[in-house]
Amino acid sequence: TSSLVGSEMCIRDREKFFLAWMQEFYLPEVEKHGTLYAPRIARILSHIEEGSICYSVQFEVENSAKLHHWHQEQGVKLNEELLRIFNDKVIGFPTLMEVIV
């Protein structure tokens, strides 16, 4: 059984740069490690934050133990880089889901 990990993020003022950075830097860096795979970014339509655009950044992972190891090895560094670049223009939270069907 695989799991789906998602990070819901809202970005203010820098949407085009955010999407370019995610596609050109973040997603390739995540995939380099090999633990997270099948990346996708979806615009969230059901939640509208005034002045912001919200996205769900999703990957698949084999299990939560591998996700935890990835987070310690790579995830913390990538999150720090995201915050360094976008500062208070981005806010988000992670979600871990089990794929049933």
Protein backbone atom coordinates (compact mmCIF):
# COMPACT_ATOMS: atom_id res chain seq x y z
CA THR A 1 0.00 0.00 0.00
CA SER A 2 1.40 3.36 -0.93
CA SER A 3 0.70 6.63 0.76
CA LEU A 4 0.19 10.05 -0.68
CA VAL A 5 1.89 13.00 0.94
CA GLY A 6 0.68 16.47 0.21
CA SER A 7 1.63 19.93 1.22
CA GLU A 8 -1.10 22.49 0.97
CA MET A 9 0.41 25.92 0.32
CA CYS A 10 -0.98 29.39 -0.20
CA ILE A 11 1.23 31.94 -1.93
CA ARG A 12 0.70 35.70 -1.96
CA ASP A 13 2.03 38.13 -4.59
CA ARG A 14 4.63 35.80 -6.17
CA GLU A 15 2.54 33.05 -7.79
CA LYS A 16 4.42 32.81 -11.13
CA PHE A 17 7.83 32.78 -9.46
CA PHE A 18 6.57 30.22 -6.91
CA LEU A 19 5.34 27.84 -9.62
CA ALA A 20 8.54 28.23 -11.65
CA TRP A 21 10.67 27.62 -8.54
CA MET A 22 8.63 24.58 -7.59
CA GLN A 23 8.95 23.06 -11.08
CA GLU A 24 12.59 23.96 -11.70
CA PHE A 25 14.07 23.44 -8.22
CA TYR A 26 11.80 21.91 -5.58
CA LEU A 27 10.27 18.98 -7.50
CA PRO A 28 13.61 17.87 -9.05
CA GLU A 29 15.32 18.10 -5.64
CA VAL A 30 12.63 15.97 -4.02
CA GLU A 31 12.85 13.34 -6.77
CA LYS A 32 16.67 13.15 -6.56
CA HIS A 33 16.42 11.32 -3.24
CA GLY A 34 14.18 8.67 -4.81
CA THR A 35 11.89 8.25 -1.79
CA LEU A 36 9.06 10.46 -3.01
CA TYR A 37 7.78 9.96 -6.55
CA ALA A 38 4.92 10.82 -8.94
CA PRO A 39 4.95 14.57 -8.16
CA ARG A 40 2.06 16.84 -9.07
CA ILE A 41 0.87 20.32 -8.26
CA ALA A 42 -2.85 21.09 -8.23
CA ARG A 43 -4.56 24.44 -7.71
CA ILE A 44 -7.01 24.26 -4.79
CA LEU A 45 -10.39 25.53 -5.95
CA SER A 46 -12.44 24.87 -2.82
CA HIS A 47 -10.44 27.12 -0.52
CA ILE A 48 -9.98 30.73 -1.50
CA GLU A 49 -7.70 32.85 0.63
CA GLU A 50 -8.11 36.54 -0.19
CA GLY A 51 -5.03 37.80 -2.04
CA SER A 52 -3.54 34.31 -2.28
CA ILE A 53 -3.54 31.32 -4.61
CA CYS A 54 -3.51 27.92 -2.93
CA TYR A 55 -1.92 24.72 -4.23
CA SER A 56 -1.61 21.11 -3.21
CA VAL A 57 1.86 19.73 -3.89
CA GLN A 58 1.61 15.94 -3.85
CA PHE A 59 3.95 12.95 -4.00
CA GLU A 60 3.63 9.24 -3.43
CA VAL A 61 5.75 7.39 -0.88
CA GLU A 62 5.86 3.71 0.11
CA ASN A 63 5.24 4.24 3.82
CA SER A 64 5.36 6.76 6.64
CA ALA A 65 8.75 5.50 7.91
CA LYS A 66 10.36 6.35 4.55
CA LEU A 67 8.61 9.71 4.58
CA HIS A 68 9.94 10.45 8.07
CA HIS A 69 13.49 9.53 7.01
CA TRP A 70 13.17 11.70 3.86
CA HIS A 71 11.87 14.61 5.94
CA GLN A 72 14.86 14.44 8.29
CA GLU A 73 17.39 14.04 5.47
CA GLN A 74 15.97 16.42 2.85
CA GLY A 75 12.58 17.84 3.76
CA VAL A 76 13.80 20.16 6.52
CA LYS A 77 16.44 21.68 4.20
CA LEU A 78 13.95 22.20 1.37
CA ASN A 79 11.46 23.81 3.74
CA GLU A 80 14.15 26.17 5.03
CA GLU A 81 15.02 27.12 1.44
CA LEU A 82 11.33 27.71 0.64
CA LEU A 83 10.99 30.00 3.66
CA ARG A 84 14.24 31.80 2.87
CA ILE A 85 13.05 32.64 -0.65
CA PHE A 86 9.35 33.30 -0.04
CA ASN A 87 9.47 34.38 3.62
CA ASP A 88 5.98 35.43 4.76
CA LYS A 89 4.50 35.15 1.23
CA VAL A 90 3.85 31.43 1.62
CA ILE A 91 2.08 29.41 4.29
CA GLY A 92 1.37 25.72 4.28
CA PHE A 93 0.83 22.48 6.11
CA PRO A 94 1.57 18.82 5.29
CA THR A 95 -0.97 16.02 4.93
CA LEU A 96 -0.29 12.28 4.85
CA MET A 97 -2.99 10.14 3.24
CA GLU A 98 -3.26 6.41 2.62
CA VAL A 99 -4.24 5.44 -0.93
CA ILE A 100 -7.19 3.04 -0.64
CA VAL A 101 -8.18 2.50 -4.28
